[in-house]
C-alpha atoms as a PDB file:
ATOM      1  CA  UNK A   1     -24.038  90.299 -65.127  1.00  0.00           C
ATOM      2  CA  UNK A   2     -24.156  91.488 -61.535  1.00  0.00           C
ATOM      3  CA  UNK A   3     -21.079  92.939 -59.853  1.00  0.00           C
ATOM      4  CA  UNK A   4     -20.916  93.250 -56.083  1.00  0.00           C
ATOM      5  CA  UNK A   5     -19.485  96.522 -54.790  1.00  0.00           C
ATOM      6  CA  UNK A   6     -18.062  96.309 -51.277  1.00  0.00           C
ATOM      7  CA  UNK A   7     -18.345  99.559 -49.337  1.00  0.00           C
ATOM      8  CA  UNK A   8     -16.659  99.540 -45.907  1.00  0.00           C
ATOM      9  CA  UNK A   9     -18.643 101.961 -43.788  1.00  0.00           C
ATOM     10  CA  UNK A  10     -18.069 103.801 -40.528  1.00  0.00           C
ATOM     11  CA  UNK A  11     -20.470 106.690 -39.886  1.00  0.00           C
ATOM     12  CA  UNK A  12     -21.218 107.462 -43.527  1.00  0.00           C
ATOM     13  CA  UNK A  13     -24.990 108.051 -43.247  1.00  0.00           C
ATOM     14  CA  UNK A  14     -24.687 111.462 -44.899  1.00  0.00           C
ATOM     15  CA  UNK A  15     -22.796 110.082 -47.908  1.00  0.00           C
ATOM     16  CA  UNK A  16     -24.575 106.788 -48.535  1.00  0.00           C
ATOM     17  CA  UNK A  17     -27.605 108.134 -50.431  1.00  0.00           C
ATOM     18  CA  UNK A  18     -25.401 109.770 -53.052  1.00  0.00           C
ATOM     19  CA  UNK A  19     -22.975 106.860 -53.290  1.00  0.00           C
ATOM     20  CA  UNK A  20     -25.684 104.231 -53.673  1.00  0.00           C
ATOM     21  CA  UNK A  21     -27.629 106.315 -56.191  1.00  0.00           C
ATOM     22  CA  UNK A  22     -24.493 106.645 -58.326  1.00  0.00           C
ATOM     23  CA  UNK A  23     -23.924 102.897 -58.691  1.00  0.00           C
ATOM     24  CA  UNK A  24     -24.257 101.853 -62.338  1.00  0.00           C
ATOM     25  CA  UNK A  25     -26.954  99.409 -63.390  1.00  0.00           C
ATOM     26  CA  UNK A  26     -25.978  95.852 -62.506  1.00  0.00           C
ATOM     27  CA  UNK A  27     -23.752  96.906 -59.611  1.00  0.00           C
ATOM     28  CA  UNK A  28     -25.023  95.698 -56.229  1.00  0.00           C
ATOM     29  CA  UNK A  29     -23.945  97.375 -52.991  1.00  0.00           C
ATOM     30  CA  UNK A  30     -22.690  95.438 -49.992  1.00  0.00           C
ATOM     31  CA  UNK A  31     -22.309  97.935 -47.162  1.00  0.00           C
ATOM     32  CA  UNK A  32     -20.113  96.545 -44.408  1.00  0.00           C
ATOM     33  CA  UNK A  33     -20.859  98.435 -41.229  1.00  0.00           C
ATOM     34  CA  UNK A  34     -17.787  98.732 -39.032  1.00  0.00           C
ATOM     35  CA  UNK A  35     -19.436 100.018 -35.868  1.00  0.00           C
ATOM     36  CA  UNK A  36     -21.332 103.114 -37.013  1.00  0.00           C
ATOM     37  CA  UNK A  37     -23.259 105.170 -34.474  1.00  0.00           C
ATOM     38  CA  UNK A  38     -25.012 107.504 -36.928  1.00  0.00           C
ATOM     39  CA  UNK A  39     -27.596 105.087 -38.341  1.00  0.00           C
ATOM     40  CA  UNK A  40     -25.594 104.150 -41.431  1.00  0.00           C
ATOM     41  CA  UNK A  41     -26.859 100.520 -41.538  1.00  0.00           C
ATOM     42  CA  UNK A  42     -30.500 101.642 -41.503  1.00  0.00           C
ATOM     43  CA  UNK A  43     -29.863 104.196 -44.250  1.00  0.00           C
ATOM     44  CA  UNK A  44     -28.121 101.606 -46.422  1.00  0.00           C
ATOM     45  CA  UNK A  45     -30.841  98.994 -45.905  1.00  0.00           C
ATOM     46  CA  UNK A  46     -33.604 101.496 -46.668  1.00  0.00           C
ATOM     47  CA  UNK A  47     -31.892 102.321 -49.952  1.00  0.00           C
ATOM     48  CA  UNK A  48     -31.695  98.676 -50.988  1.00  0.00           C
ATOM     49  CA  UNK A  49     -28.116  97.746 -50.106  1.00  0.00           C
ATOM     50  CA  UNK A  50     -27.153  94.463 -48.534  1.00  0.00           C
ATOM     51  CA  UNK A  51     -25.860  95.307 -45.062  1.00  0.00           C
ATOM     52  CA  UNK A  52     -23.268  93.168 -43.282  1.00  0.00           C
ATOM     53  CA  UNK A  53     -21.949  93.881 -39.800  1.00  0.00           C
ATOM     54  CA  UNK A  54     -18.238  93.631 -38.948  1.00  0.00           C
ATOM     55  CA  UNK A  55     -17.737  94.595 -35.275  1.00  0.00           C
ATOM     56  CA  UNK A  56     -13.935  94.282 -35.417  1.00  0.00           C
ATOM     57  CA  UNK A  57     -12.696  97.765 -36.185  1.00  0.00           C
ATOM     58  CA  UNK A  58     -10.381  98.084 -39.163  1.00  0.00           C
ATOM     59  CA  UNK A  59     -10.546  98.759 -42.876  1.00  0.00           C
ATOM     60  CA  UNK A  60      -9.162  95.330 -43.696  1.00  0.00           C
ATOM     61  CA  UNK A  61     -11.646  93.583 -41.426  1.00  0.00           C
ATOM     62  CA  UNK A  62     -14.562  95.333 -43.116  1.00  0.00           C
ATOM     63  CA  UNK A  63     -13.260  94.709 -46.626  1.00  0.00           C
ATOM     64  CA  UNK A  64     -12.576  91.022 -46.002  1.00  0.00           C
ATOM     65  CA  UNK A  65     -16.012  90.474 -44.470  1.00  0.00           C
ATOM     66  CA  UNK A  66     -17.562  92.095 -47.523  1.00  0.00           C
ATOM     67  CA  UNK A  67     -15.481  89.897 -49.813  1.00  0.00           C
ATOM     68  CA  UNK A  68     -16.704  86.792 -48.002  1.00  0.00           C
ATOM     69  CA  UNK A  69     -20.316  87.994 -48.254  1.00  0.00           C
ATOM     70  CA  UNK A  70     -20.091  88.738 -51.985  1.00  0.00           C
ATOM     71  CA  UNK A  71     -21.296  86.194 -54.522  1.00  0.00           C
ATOM     72  CA  UNK A  72     -20.438  87.731 -57.914  1.00  0.00           C
ATOM     73  CA  UNK A  73     -17.498  86.555 -60.008  1.00  0.00           C
ATOM     74  CA  UNK A  74     -15.951  90.035 -60.202  1.00  0.00           C
ATOM     75  CA  UNK A  75     -16.101  92.265 -57.140  1.00  0.00           C
ATOM     76  CA  UNK A  76     -15.328  95.949 -56.687  1.00  0.00           C
ATOM     77  CA  UNK A  77     -14.279  98.018 -53.714  1.00  0.00           C
ATOM     78  CA  UNK A  78     -14.795 101.715 -53.085  1.00  0.00           C
ATOM     79  CA  UNK A  79     -15.027 104.130 -50.188  1.00  0.00           C
ATOM     80  CA  UNK A  80     -18.492 104.980 -48.862  1.00  0.00           C
ATOM     81  CA  UNK A  81     -17.795 108.647 -48.139  1.00  0.00           C
ATOM     82  CA  UNK A  82     -18.590 110.066 -51.562  1.00  0.00           C
ATOM     83  CA  UNK A  83     -14.999 110.887 -52.504  1.00  0.00           C
ATOM     84  CA  UNK A  84     -14.920 108.343 -55.329  1.00  0.00           C
ATOM     85  CA  UNK A  85     -17.393 108.159 -58.196  1.00  0.00           C
ATOM     86  CA  UNK A  86     -18.921 104.676 -58.598  1.00  0.00           C
ATOM     87  CA  UNK A  87     -19.279 105.574 -62.264  1.00  0.00           C
ATOM     88  CA  UNK A  88     -15.581 104.734 -62.611  1.00  0.00           C
ATOM     89  CA  UNK A  89     -16.173 101.076 -61.758  1.00  0.00           C
ATOM     90  CA  UNK A  90     -17.214  99.767 -65.203  1.00  0.00           C
ATOM     91  CA  UNK A  91     -13.842 100.743 -66.675  1.00  0.00           C
ATOM     92  CA  UNK A  92     -12.086  98.719 -63.979  1.00  0.00           C
ATOM     93  CA  UNK A  93     -14.400  95.750 -64.440  1.00  0.00           C
ATOM     94  CA  UNK A  94     -13.858  95.860 -68.217  1.00  0.00           C
ATOM     95  CA  UNK A  95     -10.103  95.646 -67.628  1.00  0.00           C
ATOM     96  CA  UNK A  96     -10.580  92.480 -65.577  1.00  0.00           C
ATOM     97  CA  UNK A  97     -12.762  91.030 -68.317  1.00  0.00           C
ATOM     98  CA  UNK A  98     -10.022  91.695 -70.864  1.00  0.00           C
ATOM     99  CA  UNK A  99      -7.104  90.129 -69.032  1.00  0.00           C
ATOM    100  CA  UNK A 100      -6.158  92.131 -65.946  1.00  0.00           C
ATOM    101  CA  UNK A 101      -6.064  90.241 -62.676  1.00  0.00           C
ATOM    102  CA  UNK A 102      -6.503  93.461 -60.711  1.00  0.00           C
ATOM    103  CA  UNK A 103      -7.672  96.895 -61.863  1.00  0.00           C
ATOM    104  CA  UNK A 104      -7.026  99.820 -59.530  1.00  0.00           C
ATOM    105  CA  UNK A 105      -7.729 103.523 -59.456  1.00  0.00           C
ATOM    106  CA  UNK A 106      -5.140 106.272 -59.259  1.00  0.00           C
ATOM    107  CA  UNK A 107      -6.720 109.214 -57.472  1.00  0.00           C
ATOM    108  CA  UNK A 108      -6.587 112.541 -59.279  1.00  0.00           C
ATOM    109  CA  UNK A 109      -7.791 115.234 -56.856  1.00  0.00           C
ATOM    110  CA  UNK A 110     -10.262 117.702 -58.305  1.00  0.00           C
ATOM    111  CA  UNK A 111      -8.676 120.328 -56.046  1.00  0.00           C
ATOM    112  CA  UNK A 112      -5.682 120.438 -53.712  1.00  0.00           C
ATOM    113  CA  UNK A 113      -7.964 120.769 -50.697  1.00  0.00           C
ATOM    114  CA  UNK A 114      -9.501 117.317 -51.049  1.00  0.00           C
ATOM    115  CA  UNK A 115      -6.205 115.493 -50.425  1.00  0.00           C
ATOM    116  CA  UNK A 116      -4.199 116.952 -47.514  1.00  0.00           C
ATOM    117  CA  UNK A 117      -0.429 117.120 -47.855  1.00  0.00           C
ATOM    118  CA  UNK A 118       0.231 114.541 -45.138  1.00  0.00           C
ATOM    119  CA  UNK A 119      -2.004 111.949 -46.785  1.00  0.00           C
ATOM    120  CA  UNK A 120      -0.570 112.671 -50.222  1.00  0.00           C
ATOM    121  CA  UNK A 121       2.992 112.361 -48.913  1.00  0.00           C
ATOM    122  CA  UNK A 122       2.287 109.048 -47.200  1.00  0.00           C
ATOM    123  CA  UNK A 123       0.662 107.657 -50.326  1.00  0.00           C
ATOM    124  CA  UNK A 124       3.547 108.826 -52.526  1.00  0.00           C
ATOM    125  CA  UNK A 125       6.094 107.134 -50.259  1.00  0.00           C
ATOM    126  CA  UNK A 126       4.287 103.819 -50.171  1.00  0.00           C
ATOM    127  CA  UNK A 127       3.540 103.730 -53.900  1.00  0.00           C
ATOM    128  CA  UNK A 128       7.199 104.514 -54.612  1.00  0.00           C
ATOM    129  CA  UNK A 129       8.136 101.462 -52.545  1.00  0.00           C
ATOM    130  CA  UNK A 130       5.757  99.381 -54.641  1.00  0.00           C
ATOM    131  CA  UNK A 131       7.307 100.625 -57.875  1.00  0.00           C
ATOM    132  CA  UNK A 132      10.737  99.661 -56.556  1.00  0.00           C
ATOM    133  CA  UNK A 133       9.344  96.159 -56.141  1.00  0.00           C
ATOM    134  CA  UNK A 134       8.309  96.184 -59.797  1.00  0.00           C
ATOM    135  CA  UNK A 135       4.634  97.079 -59.501  1.00  0.00           C
ATOM    136  CA  UNK A 136       3.917 100.142 -61.629  1.00  0.00           C
ATOM    137  CA  UNK A 137       1.247 101.862 -59.546  1.00  0.00           C
ATOM    138  CA  UNK A 138       1.019 105.378 -58.156  1.00  0.00           C
ATOM    139  CA  UNK A 139      -1.665 104.921 -55.510  1.00  0.00           C
ATOM    140  CA  UNK A 140      -2.668 102.451 -52.815  1.00  0.00           C
ATOM    141  CA  UNK A 141      -5.837 101.475 -54.669  1.00  0.00           C
ATOM    142  CA  UNK A 142      -8.837 102.727 -52.671  1.00  0.00           C
ATOM    143  CA  UNK A 143     -11.026 101.713 -55.621  1.00  0.00           C
ATOM    144  CA  UNK A 144     -10.375  98.425 -57.364  1.00  0.00           C
ATOM    145  CA  UNK A 145     -11.834  95.382 -59.120  1.00  0.00           C
ATOM    146  CA  UNK A 146     -10.778  91.740 -59.317  1.00  0.00           C
ATOM    147  CA  UNK A 147     -12.194  88.247 -59.378  1.00  0.00           C
ATOM    148  CA  UNK A 148     -13.533  87.192 -55.999  1.00  0.00           C
ATOM    149  CA  UNK A 149     -12.031  83.715 -55.836  1.00  0.00           C
ATOM    150  CA  UNK A 150      -8.613  85.008 -56.886  1.00  0.00           C
ATOM    151  CA  UNK A 151      -8.686  87.660 -54.166  1.00  0.00           C
ATOM    152  CA  UNK A 152      -9.574  85.108 -51.525  1.00  0.00           C
ATOM    153  CA  UNK A 153      -6.768  82.909 -52.817  1.00  0.00           C
ATOM    154  CA  UNK A 154      -4.178  85.636 -52.216  1.00  0.00           C
ATOM    155  CA  UNK A 155      -4.620  85.121 -48.479  1.00  0.00           C
ATOM    156  CA  UNK A 156      -4.360  88.770 -47.384  1.00  0.00           C
ATOM    157  CA  UNK A 157      -4.126  88.753 -43.591  1.00  0.00           C
ATOM    158  CA  UNK A 158      -3.994  92.422 -42.543  1.00  0.00           C
ATOM    159  CA  UNK A 159      -7.256  93.609 -41.035  1.00  0.00           C
ATOM    160  CA  UNK A 160      -6.305  97.246 -40.489  1.00  0.00           C
ATOM    161  CA  UNK A 161      -5.145 100.040 -42.817  1.00  0.00           C
ATOM    162  CA  UNK A 162      -2.402  97.816 -44.239  1.00  0.00           C
ATOM    163  CA  UNK A 163      -4.876  95.669 -46.180  1.00  0.00           C
ATOM    164  CA  UNK A 164      -4.668  97.455 -49.571  1.00  0.00           C
ATOM    165  CA  UNK A 165      -0.886  97.554 -49.496  1.00  0.00           C
ATOM    166  CA  UNK A 166      -0.615  93.870 -48.600  1.00  0.00           C
ATOM    167  CA  UNK A 167      -3.045  93.097 -51.415  1.00  0.00           C
ATOM    168  CA  UNK A 168      -0.825  94.876 -53.938  1.00  0.00           C
ATOM    169  CA  UNK A 169       2.351  93.250 -52.623  1.00  0.00           C
ATOM    170  CA  UNK A 170       0.808  89.783 -52.779  1.00  0.00           C
ATOM    171  CA  UNK A 171      -0.556  90.479 -56.264  1.00  0.00           C
ATOM    172  CA  UNK A 172       2.932  91.451 -57.440  1.00  0.00           C
ATOM    173  CA  UNK A 173       4.483  88.339 -55.896  1.00  0.00           C
ATOM    174  CA  UNK A 174       1.831  86.179 -57.548  1.00  0.00           C
ATOM    175  CA  UNK A 175       2.628  87.656 -60.952  1.00  0.00           C
ATOM    176  CA  UNK A 176      -0.753  89.303 -61.373  1.00  0.00           C
ATOM    177  CA  UNK A 177      -1.401  91.666 -64.252  1.00  0.00           C
ATOM    178  CA  UNK A 178      -2.288  94.967 -62.559  1.00  0.00           C
ATOM    179  CA  UNK A 179      -3.728  97.877 -64.557  1.00  0.00           C
ATOM    180  CA  UNK A 180      -4.100 101.366 -63.147  1.00  0.00           C
ATOM    181  CA  UNK A 181      -6.659 103.976 -64.236  1.00  0.00           C
ATOM    182  CA  UNK A 182      -7.066 107.598 -63.258  1.00  0.00           C
ATOM    183  CA  UNK A 183     -10.179 108.342 -61.203  1.00  0.00           C
ATOM    184  CA  UNK A 184     -11.460 111.650 -59.872  1.00  0.00           C
ATOM    185  CA  UNK A 185     -10.923 112.194 -56.160  1.00  0.00           C
ATOM    186  CA  UNK A 186     -13.552 114.542 -54.789  1.00  0.00           C
ATOM    187  CA  UNK A 187     -14.494 116.194 -51.527  1.00  0.00           C
ATOM    188  CA  UNK A 188     -16.253 113.842 -49.151  1.00  0.00           C
ATOM    189  CA  UNK A 189     -19.928 114.293 -48.493  1.00  0.00           C
ATOM    190  CA  UNK A 190     -20.721 116.909 -45.875  1.00  0.00           C
ATOM    191  CA  UNK A 191     -20.914 115.342 -42.442  1.00  0.00           C
ATOM    192  CA  UNK A 192     -18.295 112.663 -43.105  1.00  0.00           C
ATOM    193  CA  UNK A 193     -14.647 112.566 -42.078  1.00  0.00           C
ATOM    194  CA  UNK A 194     -11.828 110.469 -43.499  1.00  0.00           C
ATOM    195  CA  UNK A 195     -10.477 107.921 -41.031  1.00  0.00           C
ATOM    196  CA  UNK A 196      -7.055 108.221 -42.670  1.00  0.00           C
ATOM    197  CA  UNK A 197      -6.452 111.559 -44.348  1.00  0.00           C
ATOM    198  CA  UNK A 198      -8.766 113.553 -42.113  1.00  0.00           C
ATOM    199  CA  UNK A 199      -5.939 114.098 -39.622  1.00  0.00           C
ATOM    200  CA  UNK A 200      -2.184 113.759 -39.332  1.00  0.00           C
ATOM    201  CA  UNK A 201      -2.754 111.136 -36.623  1.00  0.00           C
ATOM    202  CA  UNK A 202      -4.957 109.088 -38.945  1.00  0.00           C
ATOM    203  CA  UNK A 203      -2.360 109.229 -41.687  1.00  0.00           C
ATOM    204  CA  UNK A 204       0.368 108.179 -39.281  1.00  0.00           C
ATOM    205  CA  UNK A 205      -1.704 105.204 -38.127  1.00  0.00           C
ATOM    206  CA  UNK A 206      -2.200 104.147 -41.728  1.00  0.00           C
ATOM    207  CA  UNK A 207       1.504 104.526 -42.538  1.00  0.00           C
ATOM    208  CA  UNK A 208       2.344 102.534 -39.407  1.00  0.00           C
ATOM    209  CA  UNK A 209       0.038  99.702 -40.452  1.00  0.00           C
ATOM    210  CA  UNK A 210       1.340  99.749 -44.012  1.00  0.00           C
ATOM    211  CA  UNK A 211       4.926  99.952 -42.884  1.00  0.00           C
ATOM    212  CA  UNK A 212       4.394  96.776 -40.905  1.00  0.00           C
ATOM    213  CA  UNK A 213       3.158  95.107 -44.069  1.00  0.00           C
ATOM    214  CA  UNK A 214       6.180  96.265 -46.090  1.00  0.00           C
ATOM    215  CA  UNK A 215       8.567  94.873 -43.462  1.00  0.00           C
ATOM    216  CA  UNK A 216       6.819  91.507 -43.249  1.00  0.00           C
END
């Protein structure tokens, strides 16, 4: 069985070698370049990944383009900056095989420094809102697995930072079985910067996008 792993990418050339090398056997990388200027697409292609271009900036745009390009029954999503271990993916895929509609990771930081307070606070607020809606998760699922056709059928429309939150809200409304697993959250590879938690401004943009989703 082959599982496609969608990796939205914006200037992650320094992290890609480690991320791609860590993919388990049978897991195939689809790197969706979102306008990199550091040679990320060439690095990914040289290392054997399928590279897809998405010129529209936005996490959701990159993720959705990768989902459309994937061909496997079950697909996974992870960040391309080295903060998440691809070795965690088989546990999520196994959960989908055994009845979950969506398996998601709950980040457990290996040290306080890897997850700034502003990003942690924003995530805690949004996940609390999800639990009030009846979805028992504690993170906004930066690493996840589900069946490709089911994901497309949810009709997620956000193409910015609100994509993962809209996905969870739609999954809850559709009555999906969602299972959450703890995953290590590590320091990003040297030379990469988070587009969300790397600054207060980035976190505020993400909260703004996600807040729009919650209100819709």
